[in-house]
Amino acid sequence: MRNQGSSASLIELALIIVLIAIIVMAILLIIGDDLRLWIVNTLQGFLASR
């Protein structure tokens, strides 16, 4: 009986991780270009000041 409980909790954990990954991917699709431009501008500013 204990193995069934632990395998069920592993499945639940895997489903939660997949759900979080889908949410993160959706957010990156929405703000991906803005985030990329911000990172590039920040790095250029940092490297130009050196």
C-alpha atoms as a PDB file:
ATOM      1  CA  MET A   1       0.000   0.000   0.000  1.00  0.00           C
ATOM      2  CA  ARG A   2       2.827   2.402   0.765  1.00  0.00           C
ATOM      3  CA  ASN A   3       4.213   2.157  -2.771  1.00  0.00           C
ATOM      4  CA  GLN A   4       0.889   3.209  -4.283  1.00  0.00           C
ATOM      5  CA  GLY A   5       0.833   6.331  -2.122  1.00  0.00           C
ATOM      6  CA  SER A   6       4.371   7.330  -2.953  1.00  0.00           C
ATOM      7  CA  SER A   7       3.855   6.737  -6.683  1.00  0.00           C
ATOM      8  CA  ALA A   8       0.681   8.818  -6.570  1.00  0.00           C
ATOM      9  CA  SER A   9       2.527  11.660  -4.879  1.00  0.00           C
ATOM     10  CA  LEU A  10       5.286  11.449  -7.509  1.00  0.00           C
ATOM     11  CA  ILE A  11       2.669  11.684 -10.256  1.00  0.00           C
ATOM     12  CA  GLU A  12       1.088  14.694  -8.551  1.00  0.00           C
ATOM     13  CA  LEU A  13       4.506  16.335  -8.236  1.00  0.00           C
ATOM     14  CA  ALA A  14       5.225  15.681 -11.921  1.00  0.00           C
ATOM     15  CA  LEU A  15       1.870  17.197 -12.910  1.00  0.00           C
ATOM     16  CA  ILE A  16       2.557  20.297 -10.818  1.00  0.00           C
ATOM     17  CA  ILE A  17       5.998  20.698 -12.421  1.00  0.00           C
ATOM     18  CA  VAL A  18       4.489  20.333 -15.900  1.00  0.00           C
ATOM     19  CA  LEU A  19       1.813  22.908 -15.078  1.00  0.00           C
ATOM     20  CA  ILE A  20       4.432  25.367 -13.812  1.00  0.00           C
ATOM     21  CA  ALA A  21       6.520  24.789 -16.955  1.00  0.00           C
ATOM     22  CA  ILE A  22       3.503  25.512 -19.181  1.00  0.00           C
ATOM     23  CA  ILE A  23       2.753  28.715 -17.274  1.00  0.00           C
ATOM     24  CA  VAL A  24       6.385  29.875 -17.520  1.00  0.00           C
ATOM     25  CA  MET A  25       6.444  29.133 -21.252  1.00  0.00           C
ATOM     26  CA  ALA A  26       3.214  31.090 -21.760  1.00  0.00           C
ATOM     27  CA  ILE A  27       4.632  34.064 -19.871  1.00  0.00           C
ATOM     28  CA  LEU A  28       7.831  33.928 -21.936  1.00  0.00           C
ATOM     29  CA  LEU A  29       5.807  33.826 -25.149  1.00  0.00           C
ATOM     30  CA  ILE A  30       3.891  36.917 -24.053  1.00  0.00           C
ATOM     31  CA  ILE A  31       6.819  39.024 -22.797  1.00  0.00           C
ATOM     32  CA  GLY A  32       9.690  37.202 -24.495  1.00  0.00           C
ATOM     33  CA  ASP A  33      10.674  39.943 -26.933  1.00  0.00           C
ATOM     34  CA  ASP A  34      10.504  42.683 -24.309  1.00  0.00           C
ATOM     35  CA  LEU A  35      12.543  40.569 -21.907  1.00  0.00           C
ATOM     36  CA  ARG A  36      15.142  39.803 -24.570  1.00  0.00           C
ATOM     37  CA  LEU A  37      15.482  43.476 -25.480  1.00  0.00           C
ATOM     38  CA  TRP A  38      15.818  44.435 -21.801  1.00  0.00           C
ATOM     39  CA  ILE A  39      18.572  41.854 -21.272  1.00  0.00           C
ATOM     40  CA  VAL A  40      20.449  42.971 -24.407  1.00  0.00           C
ATOM     41  CA  ASN A  41      20.202  46.649 -23.463  1.00  0.00           C
ATOM     42  CA  THR A  42      21.308  45.929 -19.894  1.00  0.00           C
ATOM     43  CA  LEU A  43      24.313  43.900 -21.051  1.00  0.00           C
ATOM     44  CA  GLN A  44      25.280  46.520 -23.619  1.00  0.00           C
ATOM     45  CA  GLY A  45      25.097  49.223 -20.967  1.00  0.00           C
ATOM     46  CA  PHE A  46      27.151  47.149 -18.562  1.00  0.00           C
ATOM     47  CA  LEU A  47      29.791  46.260 -21.118  1.00  0.00           C
ATOM     48  CA  ALA A  48      29.987  49.825 -22.478  1.00  0.00           C
ATOM     49  CA  SER A  49      30.682  51.198 -19.012  1.00  0.00           C
ATOM     50  CA  ARG A  50      33.692  48.906 -18.515  1.00  0.00           C
END
